[in-house]
Amino acid sequence: MRYTMHAVARSLIAFALAAAGCASSSAESKKLPSVEDSRTITDSVTVVALNQNTRLITVQDKDGHKLKFKVGDMVRNLPQVEVGDILTITYSESIAVQVVKPTGAEPSLTVEAAAARAEPGQLPAGGVADSVTLTATIEAIDRQSSIVTLLGPGGEYQVVRVKNPAYLKNVVVGDQVVITYTEALVTYVEAPKK
């Protein structure tokens, strides 16, 4: 996937600076604003049908809703799965936004990815994680409207509204905004309890 200032920064910066209004304000001190937020969702489904030859699997949630999908070749150990097994899925995402004094570094965008899967012979399990870190420079501040203009990677500008004006109290043109967004998905199969 190609990441650009518009593709990533538009959503990350707008979300992050808007969300900054949700945390406690550090405007009373000389600290620059910093905000973190995260959430994790875990759910389990039961395998109700499985065709090992076509790799089609049907799962059902606790409310009786069914979902049928094809398991990709990257999932090894599918023969270990049986009807009645439980598939647990955990999705996590977090965002951290921090305004820092200028470091001299150019605006940048860094993308990191990691993946893991079960060893041969084990029940299928695996996880993937992606992390995007964006650094942008504050080019202009309209304190009356709580609007900040950021310069991101590639010389692209982004205008965003800050939800909580108190966050702009100690911020000046030239400061940098560092945003790190991480998401992870972990799945594993467990045999039903006897």
Foldseek 3Di string as FASTA:
>chain_A
DDDDCVVPVQVQVQVVLQCLVVDDFPLVDLFAGKDKDKDKDKAKWFWADADPVQQWTWTAGPVGDIDIDHDDPVFPPPVVDDGGKMKMKMKMKMKMKTKAAAPVDAWDKDKDKDKDWDDPPDFTKMKMKMKIKTKWFFADADLVQQWTWTQHPPRDIDIYHRNDSSSCNNDDGGIMMIMMMMMMMIMTIDHDDD
